Amino acid sequence: MLMLVITAFVLTAITIFIHGVGTTAWIRYLLATYSVDGGHFRPVKSVRVVILTAFVLITLHLLEILVWALAYMAVLPTDDLPSLEASLYFSAVTFTTLGYGDITLSSDWRLLSGLEAIAGILLIGWSTAFLFAVLQRAWHIPAGTNN
């Protein structure tokens, strides 16, 4: 069980690193490309910024799900998750805490999926907060304007 927890912590650290680097790079890009004084986004570009941000966040989550899926392929017996497609599917429904239950891991490994769900909740919450921060910058109307 200790190796299972260590594996989950390593995978969680990797996915947090991916999310941290991705969101930091994205906000720096947005500020350099679309911001005006005070770090707010140009009103005419606000919708584009929000849509692009949502796609970037989804892409980061897909990459993080892939990391977990590849780890499942590496450590699990092949009868639990026999293909990359099955591993991706299982990882996605676990990461998002959807959990259909049509695929379950053997009792020796199921704690790993619970720990992935915890990481997924954390990272999805981070994305929600990040998107909200971008929306706040996009909604800002500078003083003295009528739009």
N, C-alpha and C. Protein backbone atom coordinates (compact mmCIF):
# COMPACT_ATOMS: atom_id res chain seq x y z
N MET A 1 0.82 -1.20 0.00
CA MET A 1 0.00 0.00 0.00
C MET A 1 0.86 1.26 0.00
N LEU A 2 2.01 1.21 0.65
CA LEU A 2 2.88 2.39 0.69
C LEU A 2 3.33 2.78 -0.71
N MET A 3 3.66 1.79 -1.54
CA MET A 3 4.08 2.09 -2.92
C MET A 3 2.92 2.71 -3.71
N LEU A 4 1.72 2.29 -3.42
CA LEU A 4 0.54 2.84 -4.07
C LEU A 4 0.38 4.32 -3.74
N VAL A 5 0.53 4.66 -2.48
CA VAL A 5 0.42 6.05 -2.03
C VAL A 5 1.57 6.88 -2.60
N ILE A 6 2.76 6.35 -2.60
CA ILE A 6 3.91 7.06 -3.17
C ILE A 6 3.68 7.31 -4.67
N THR A 7 3.18 6.29 -5.37
CA THR A 7 2.87 6.44 -6.80
C THR A 7 1.86 7.55 -7.01
N ALA A 8 0.82 7.56 -6.19
CA ALA A 8 -0.21 8.60 -6.31
C ALA A 8 0.36 9.98 -6.03
N PHE A 9 1.23 10.11 -5.04
CA PHE A 9 1.84 11.41 -4.73
C PHE A 9 2.75 11.88 -5.86
N VAL A 10 3.49 10.97 -6.45
CA VAL A 10 4.35 11.34 -7.58
C VAL A 10 3.49 11.80 -8.76
N LEU A 11 2.44 11.05 -9.08
CA LEU A 11 1.55 11.44 -10.18
C LEU A 11 0.85 12.76 -9.89
N THR A 12 0.45 12.96 -8.65
CA THR A 12 -0.18 14.23 -8.27
C THR A 12 0.82 15.38 -8.41
N ALA A 13 2.05 15.16 -7.99
CA ALA A 13 3.08 16.20 -8.14
C ALA A 13 3.31 16.53 -9.61
N ILE A 14 3.34 15.51 -10.45
CA ILE A 14 3.54 15.74 -11.88
C ILE A 14 2.38 16.56 -12.45
N THR A 15 1.16 16.19 -12.08
CA THR A 15 0.00 16.92 -12.63
C THR A 15 -0.10 18.34 -12.07
N ILE A 16 0.27 18.54 -10.83
CA ILE A 16 0.29 19.89 -10.27
C ILE A 16 1.36 20.73 -10.98
N PHE A 17 2.50 20.12 -11.27
CA PHE A 17 3.56 20.81 -12.01
C PHE A 17 3.05 21.22 -13.40
N ILE A 18 2.41 20.29 -14.10
CA ILE A 18 1.86 20.59 -15.42
C ILE A 18 0.88 21.75 -15.33
N HIS A 19 0.00 21.70 -14.36
CA HIS A 19 -1.01 22.74 -14.21
C HIS A 19 -0.38 24.08 -13.83
N GLY A 20 0.59 24.03 -12.94
CA GLY A 20 1.26 25.26 -12.53
C GLY A 20 2.01 25.93 -13.66
N VAL A 21 2.78 25.15 -14.39
CA VAL A 21 3.53 25.69 -15.52
C VAL A 21 2.56 26.18 -16.60
N GLY A 22 1.55 25.39 -16.88
CA GLY A 22 0.58 25.75 -17.92
C GLY A 22 -0.19 27.02 -17.61
N THR A 23 -0.71 27.13 -16.41
CA THR A 23 -1.49 28.32 -16.07
C THR A 23 -0.61 29.56 -15.93
N THR A 24 0.59 29.39 -15.40
CA THR A 24 1.51 30.53 -15.29
C THR A 24 1.91 31.03 -16.67
N ALA A 25 2.27 30.12 -17.55
CA ALA A 25 2.64 30.52 -18.91
C ALA A 25 1.46 31.18 -19.62
N TRP A 26 0.27 30.63 -19.42
CA TRP A 26 -0.90 31.18 -20.11
C TRP A 26 -1.23 32.60 -19.61
N ILE A 27 -1.20 32.83 -18.31
CA ILE A 27 -1.55 34.17 -17.81
C ILE A 27 -0.47 35.17 -18.24
N ARG A 28 0.78 34.75 -18.28
CA ARG A 28 1.83 35.66 -18.77
C ARG A 28 1.62 36.01 -20.24
N TYR A 29 1.24 35.00 -21.03
CA TYR A 29 0.94 35.25 -22.44
C TYR A 29 -0.24 36.21 -22.58
N LEU A 30 -1.30 35.96 -21.82
CA LEU A 30 -2.48 36.84 -21.90
C LEU A 30 -2.14 38.27 -21.52
N LEU A 31 -1.40 38.43 -20.46
CA LEU A 31 -1.06 39.78 -20.01
C LEU A 31 -0.16 40.49 -21.02
N ALA A 32 0.75 39.75 -21.62
CA ALA A 32 1.64 40.36 -22.62
C ALA A 32 0.90 40.68 -23.91
N THR A 33 -0.09 39.91 -24.25
CA THR A 33 -0.76 40.04 -25.54
C THR A 33 -2.04 40.87 -25.50
N TYR A 34 -2.81 40.72 -24.45
CA TYR A 34 -4.16 41.30 -24.44
C TYR A 34 -4.42 42.34 -23.37
N SER A 35 -3.48 42.59 -22.48
CA SER A 35 -3.80 43.46 -21.35
C SER A 35 -3.53 44.93 -21.65
N VAL A 36 -4.23 45.75 -20.88
CA VAL A 36 -4.01 47.20 -20.89
C VAL A 36 -3.55 47.56 -19.49
N ASP A 37 -3.47 48.83 -19.18
CA ASP A 37 -3.00 49.26 -17.86
C ASP A 37 -3.74 48.53 -16.74
N GLY A 38 -3.01 48.14 -15.74
CA GLY A 38 -3.60 47.48 -14.59
C GLY A 38 -3.79 45.99 -14.77
N GLY A 39 -3.39 45.44 -15.90
CA GLY A 39 -3.49 44.00 -16.11
C GLY A 39 -4.86 43.52 -16.54
N HIS A 40 -5.75 44.43 -16.90
CA HIS A 40 -7.07 44.03 -17.38
C HIS A 40 -6.99 43.81 -18.89
N PHE A 41 -7.96 43.10 -19.42
CA PHE A 41 -7.93 42.78 -20.84
C PHE A 41 -8.72 43.80 -21.64
N ARG A 42 -8.26 44.04 -22.85
CA ARG A 42 -8.96 44.97 -23.74
C ARG A 42 -10.38 44.47 -23.94
N PRO A 43 -11.36 45.35 -23.78
CA PRO A 43 -12.76 44.92 -23.88
C PRO A 43 -13.09 44.19 -25.18
N VAL A 44 -12.54 44.62 -26.29
CA VAL A 44 -12.87 43.97 -27.57
C VAL A 44 -12.28 42.57 -27.68
N LYS A 45 -11.31 42.25 -26.85
CA LYS A 45 -10.66 40.94 -26.88
C LYS A 45 -11.12 40.02 -25.75
N SER A 46 -12.00 40.48 -24.90
CA SER A 46 -12.37 39.74 -23.70
C SER A 46 -12.98 38.37 -23.99
N VAL A 47 -13.87 38.30 -24.94
CA VAL A 47 -14.51 37.02 -25.25
C VAL A 47 -13.47 36.03 -25.76
N ARG A 48 -12.59 36.49 -26.63
CA ARG A 48 -11.52 35.63 -27.15
C ARG A 48 -10.66 35.12 -26.00
N VAL A 49 -10.29 36.00 -25.09
CA VAL A 49 -9.44 35.61 -23.96
C VAL A 49 -10.12 34.53 -23.12
N VAL A 50 -11.39 34.69 -22.84
CA VAL A 50 -12.12 33.72 -22.00
C VAL A 50 -12.23 32.38 -22.72
N ILE A 51 -12.58 32.39 -24.00
CA ILE A 51 -12.71 31.14 -24.75
C ILE A 51 -11.37 30.43 -24.86
N LEU A 52 -10.33 31.16 -25.20
CA LEU A 52 -9.00 30.54 -25.29
C LEU A 52 -8.54 29.98 -23.95
N THR A 53 -8.84 30.70 -22.88
CA THR A 53 -8.47 30.23 -21.55
C THR A 53 -9.17 28.92 -21.23
N ALA A 54 -10.45 28.83 -21.55
CA ALA A 54 -11.18 27.58 -21.31
C ALA A 54 -10.55 26.43 -22.08
N PHE A 55 -10.18 26.66 -23.34
CA PHE A 55 -9.56 25.60 -24.12
C PHE A 55 -8.18 25.22 -23.58
N VAL A 56 -7.42 26.19 -23.13
CA VAL A 56 -6.11 25.89 -22.54
C VAL A 56 -6.29 25.03 -21.29
N LEU A 57 -7.24 25.38 -20.45
CA LEU A 57 -7.47 24.62 -19.22
C LEU A 57 -7.92 23.19 -19.53
N ILE A 58 -8.80 23.04 -20.50
CA ILE A 58 -9.24 21.70 -20.90
C ILE A 58 -8.05 20.89 -21.42
N THR A 59 -7.21 21.53 -22.20
CA THR A 59 -6.02 20.85 -22.72
C THR A 59 -5.10 20.41 -21.60
N LEU A 60 -4.90 21.26 -20.60
CA LEU A 60 -4.08 20.87 -19.45
C LEU A 60 -4.68 19.66 -18.75
N HIS A 61 -5.99 19.67 -18.56
CA HIS A 61 -6.64 18.52 -17.90
C HIS A 61 -6.50 17.25 -18.73
N LEU A 62 -6.63 17.37 -20.04
CA LEU A 62 -6.45 16.18 -20.88
C LEU A 62 -5.03 15.63 -20.77
N LEU A 63 -4.05 16.51 -20.71
CA LEU A 63 -2.67 16.09 -20.52
C LEU A 63 -2.49 15.40 -19.17
N GLU A 64 -3.09 15.95 -18.15
CA GLU A 64 -2.99 15.36 -16.81
C GLU A 64 -3.68 14.00 -16.75
N ILE A 65 -4.82 13.88 -17.41
CA ILE A 65 -5.52 12.59 -17.49
C ILE A 65 -4.65 11.57 -18.22
N LEU A 66 -3.97 12.02 -19.27
CA LEU A 66 -3.06 11.14 -20.01
C LEU A 66 -1.93 10.64 -19.11
N VAL A 67 -1.40 11.51 -18.27
CA VAL A 67 -0.32 11.10 -17.35
C VAL A 67 -0.80 9.96 -16.46
N TRP A 68 -1.98 10.11 -15.88
CA TRP A 68 -2.53 9.05 -15.02
C TRP A 68 -2.79 7.79 -15.84
N ALA A 69 -3.35 7.94 -17.05
CA ALA A 69 -3.65 6.77 -17.88
C ALA A 69 -2.38 6.00 -18.22
N LEU A 70 -1.32 6.71 -18.56
CA LEU A 70 -0.05 6.04 -18.87
C LEU A 70 0.51 5.33 -17.64
N ALA A 71 0.33 5.95 -16.49
CA ALA A 71 0.78 5.31 -15.25
C ALA A 71 -0.02 4.04 -14.99
N TYR A 72 -1.32 4.09 -15.22
CA TYR A 72 -2.14 2.88 -15.07
C TYR A 72 -1.64 1.77 -15.99
N MET A 73 -1.32 2.16 -17.22
CA MET A 73 -0.81 1.16 -18.18
C MET A 73 0.51 0.56 -17.70
N ALA A 74 1.31 1.37 -17.04
CA ALA A 74 2.63 0.91 -16.60
C ALA A 74 2.58 0.03 -15.36
N VAL A 75 1.67 0.32 -14.43
CA VAL A 75 1.72 -0.39 -13.14
C VAL A 75 0.62 -1.43 -12.95
N LEU A 76 -0.47 -1.33 -13.66
CA LEU A 76 -1.58 -2.25 -13.42
C LEU A 76 -1.44 -3.54 -14.22
N PRO A 77 -2.01 -4.61 -13.70
CA PRO A 77 -2.09 -5.82 -14.52
C PRO A 77 -2.94 -5.55 -15.76
N THR A 78 -2.60 -6.16 -16.87
CA THR A 78 -3.28 -5.85 -18.14
C THR A 78 -4.75 -6.23 -18.13
N ASP A 79 -5.19 -7.10 -17.25
CA ASP A 79 -6.61 -7.44 -17.24
C ASP A 79 -7.47 -6.35 -16.58
N ASP A 80 -6.87 -5.45 -15.80
CA ASP A 80 -7.63 -4.33 -15.23
C ASP A 80 -7.98 -3.30 -16.30
N LEU A 81 -6.98 -2.83 -17.00
CA LEU A 81 -7.16 -1.84 -18.08
C LEU A 81 -6.36 -2.33 -19.28
N PRO A 82 -7.01 -3.04 -20.20
CA PRO A 82 -6.28 -3.74 -21.25
C PRO A 82 -5.74 -2.87 -22.40
N SER A 83 -6.16 -1.61 -22.49
CA SER A 83 -5.72 -0.78 -23.62
C SER A 83 -5.53 0.66 -23.17
N LEU A 84 -4.87 1.43 -24.01
CA LEU A 84 -4.71 2.86 -23.72
C LEU A 84 -6.08 3.54 -23.70
N GLU A 85 -6.95 3.16 -24.60
CA GLU A 85 -8.29 3.75 -24.64
C GLU A 85 -9.03 3.49 -23.33
N ALA A 86 -8.96 2.28 -22.83
CA ALA A 86 -9.61 1.94 -21.56
C ALA A 86 -8.98 2.73 -20.41
N SER A 87 -7.66 2.86 -20.44
CA SER A 87 -6.97 3.62 -19.39
C SER A 87 -7.34 5.10 -19.44
N LEU A 88 -7.41 5.66 -20.65
CA LEU A 88 -7.81 7.07 -20.78
C LEU A 88 -9.23 7.28 -20.30
N TYR A 89 -10.12 6.40 -20.70
CA TYR A 89 -11.52 6.50 -20.28
C TYR A 89 -11.63 6.41 -18.75
N PHE A 90 -10.99 5.39 -18.18
CA PHE A 90 -11.05 5.22 -16.74
C PHE A 90 -10.45 6.43 -16.02
N SER A 91 -9.32 6.91 -16.51
CA SER A 91 -8.68 8.06 -15.90
C SER A 91 -9.56 9.30 -15.98
N ALA A 92 -10.21 9.51 -17.13
CA ALA A 92 -11.07 10.69 -17.30
C ALA A 92 -12.26 10.65 -16.35
N VAL A 93 -12.93 9.50 -16.25
CA VAL A 93 -14.10 9.45 -15.36
C VAL A 93 -13.70 9.48 -13.90
N THR A 94 -12.47 9.06 -13.61
CA THR A 94 -11.97 9.13 -12.23
C THR A 94 -11.52 10.55 -11.89
N PHE A 95 -10.72 11.15 -12.76
CA PHE A 95 -10.19 12.50 -12.56
C PHE A 95 -11.31 13.51 -12.37
N THR A 96 -12.37 13.36 -13.14
CA THR A 96 -13.50 14.29 -13.06
C THR A 96 -14.49 13.91 -11.98
N THR A 97 -14.24 12.85 -11.28
CA THR A 97 -15.09 12.27 -10.24
C THR A 97 -16.46 11.87 -10.76
N LEU A 98 -16.58 11.66 -12.06
CA LEU A 98 -17.82 11.18 -12.65
C LEU A 98 -18.07 9.75 -12.22
N GLY A 99 -17.06 8.90 -12.36
CA GLY A 99 -17.10 7.54 -11.85
C GLY A 99 -18.30 6.72 -12.26
N TYR A 100 -18.43 6.39 -13.54
CA TYR A 100 -19.55 5.56 -13.99
C TYR A 100 -19.59 4.21 -13.28
N GLY A 101 -18.45 3.66 -12.96
CA GLY A 101 -18.40 2.37 -12.29
C GLY A 101 -18.41 1.19 -13.23
N ASP A 102 -18.40 1.44 -14.54
CA ASP A 102 -18.38 0.33 -15.49
C ASP A 102 -17.01 -0.32 -15.57
N ILE A 103 -15.98 0.40 -15.19
CA ILE A 103 -14.64 -0.17 -15.08
C ILE A 103 -14.17 0.10 -13.66
N THR A 104 -13.74 -0.93 -12.98
CA THR A 104 -13.19 -0.76 -11.63
C THR A 104 -11.86 -1.50 -11.56
N LEU A 105 -11.02 -1.03 -10.70
CA LEU A 105 -9.72 -1.67 -10.51
C LEU A 105 -9.85 -2.78 -9.49
N SER A 106 -8.94 -3.72 -9.55
CA SER A 106 -8.93 -4.79 -8.56
C SER A 106 -8.66 -4.19 -7.18
N SER A 107 -9.01 -4.93 -6.16
CA SER A 107 -8.91 -4.41 -4.79
C SER A 107 -7.50 -3.98 -4.42
N ASP A 108 -6.49 -4.57 -5.04
CA ASP A 108 -5.11 -4.19 -4.73
C ASP A 108 -4.77 -2.78 -5.24
N TRP A 109 -5.53 -2.28 -6.20
CA TRP A 109 -5.17 -1.03 -6.87
C TRP A 109 -6.22 0.07 -6.74
N ARG A 110 -7.40 -0.21 -6.21
CA ARG A 110 -8.47 0.79 -6.27
C ARG A 110 -8.19 2.05 -5.46
N LEU A 111 -7.34 2.00 -4.46
CA LEU A 111 -6.98 3.22 -3.73
C LEU A 111 -6.34 4.25 -4.66
N LEU A 112 -5.60 3.79 -5.65
CA LEU A 112 -4.96 4.69 -6.61
C LEU A 112 -5.99 5.54 -7.34
N SER A 113 -7.12 4.94 -7.71
CA SER A 113 -8.15 5.72 -8.41
C SER A 113 -8.79 6.75 -7.49
N GLY A 114 -8.94 6.44 -6.23
CA GLY A 114 -9.46 7.42 -5.28
C GLY A 114 -8.53 8.60 -5.11
N LEU A 115 -7.24 8.32 -5.12
CA LEU A 115 -6.26 9.40 -5.00
C LEU A 115 -6.20 10.24 -6.27
N GLU A 116 -6.44 9.61 -7.43
CA GLU A 116 -6.55 10.40 -8.66
C GLU A 116 -7.74 11.34 -8.59
N ALA A 117 -8.85 10.86 -8.04
CA ALA A 117 -10.04 11.71 -7.92
C ALA A 117 -9.75 12.93 -7.04
N ILE A 118 -9.01 12.74 -5.97
CA ILE A 118 -8.64 13.87 -5.11
C ILE A 118 -7.80 14.87 -5.89
N ALA A 119 -6.83 14.38 -6.65
CA ALA A 119 -6.01 15.28 -7.47
C ALA A 119 -6.86 15.99 -8.51
N GLY A 120 -7.79 15.27 -9.11
CA GLY A 120 -8.67 15.87 -10.11
C GLY A 120 -9.53 16.98 -9.54
N ILE A 121 -10.09 16.74 -8.36
CA ILE A 121 -10.91 17.77 -7.70
C ILE A 121 -10.06 19.02 -7.46
N LEU A 122 -8.86 18.82 -6.95
CA LEU A 122 -7.96 19.93 -6.68
C LEU A 122 -7.66 20.73 -7.95
N LEU A 123 -7.32 20.03 -9.02
CA LEU A 123 -6.92 20.71 -10.25
C LEU A 123 -8.11 21.34 -10.97
N ILE A 124 -9.27 20.73 -10.90
CA ILE A 124 -10.46 21.33 -11.50
C ILE A 124 -10.87 22.57 -10.70
N GLY A 125 -10.72 22.51 -9.39
CA GLY A 125 -10.98 23.70 -8.57
C GLY A 125 -10.02 24.83 -8.92
N TRP A 126 -8.76 24.49 -9.12
CA TRP A 126 -7.75 25.46 -9.53
C TRP A 126 -8.16 26.10 -10.85
N SER A 127 -8.58 25.28 -11.80
CA SER A 127 -9.01 25.81 -13.10
C SER A 127 -10.22 26.72 -12.97
N THR A 128 -11.13 26.36 -12.11
CA THR A 128 -12.31 27.20 -11.89
C THR A 128 -11.90 28.56 -11.35
N ALA A 129 -11.02 28.56 -10.36
CA ALA A 129 -10.53 29.82 -9.79
C ALA A 129 -9.77 30.63 -10.83
N PHE A 130 -8.96 29.96 -11.63
CA PHE A 130 -8.18 30.63 -12.67
C PHE A 130 -9.10 31.27 -13.71
N LEU A 131 -10.09 30.52 -14.17
CA LEU A 131 -11.03 31.05 -15.16
C LEU A 131 -11.81 32.23 -14.58
N PHE A 132 -12.17 32.15 -13.31
CA PHE A 132 -12.86 33.26 -12.67
C PHE A 132 -11.97 34.50 -12.61
N ALA A 133 -10.69 34.31 -12.31
CA ALA A 133 -9.76 35.45 -12.28
C ALA A 133 -9.63 36.08 -13.66
N VAL A 134 -9.58 35.26 -14.70
CA VAL A 134 -9.53 35.79 -16.06
C VAL A 134 -10.81 36.54 -16.38
N LEU A 135 -11.94 35.98 -15.98
CA LEU A 135 -13.23 36.65 -16.21
C LEU A 135 -13.29 38.00 -15.50
N GLN A 136 -12.78 38.07 -14.28
CA GLN A 136 -12.76 39.35 -13.56
C GLN A 136 -11.96 40.39 -14.32
N ARG A 137 -10.83 40.00 -14.86
CA ARG A 137 -10.02 40.93 -15.65
C ARG A 137 -10.72 41.31 -16.95
N ALA A 138 -11.45 40.36 -17.52
CA ALA A 138 -12.16 40.63 -18.77
C ALA A 138 -13.37 41.53 -18.56
N TRP A 139 -14.01 41.41 -17.42
CA TRP A 139 -15.21 42.20 -17.15
C TRP A 139 -14.92 43.62 -16.71
N HIS A 140 -13.69 43.89 -16.34
CA HIS A 140 -13.32 45.21 -15.85
C HIS A 140 -13.54 46.26 -16.93
N ILE A 141 -14.27 47.30 -16.58
CA ILE A 141 -14.47 48.43 -17.49
C ILE A 141 -13.72 49.62 -16.91
N PRO A 142 -12.70 50.10 -17.62
CA PRO A 142 -11.90 51.20 -17.09
C PRO A 142 -12.76 52.44 -16.81
N ALA A 143 -12.38 53.19 -15.78
CA ALA A 143 -13.11 54.41 -15.44
C ALA A 143 -13.06 55.39 -16.60
N GLY A 144 -14.16 56.07 -16.81
CA GLY A 144 -14.22 57.09 -17.84
C GLY A 144 -14.63 56.56 -19.21
N THR A 145 -14.95 55.25 -19.30
CA THR A 145 -15.42 54.73 -20.57
C THR A 145 -16.91 54.47 -20.50
N ASN A 146 -17.55 54.45 -21.62
CA ASN A 146 -19.00 54.22 -21.66
C ASN A 146 -19.36 52.85 -22.18
N ASN A 147 -18.39 51.94 -22.37
CA ASN A 147 -18.74 50.63 -22.92
C ASN A 147 -18.80 49.58 -21.88
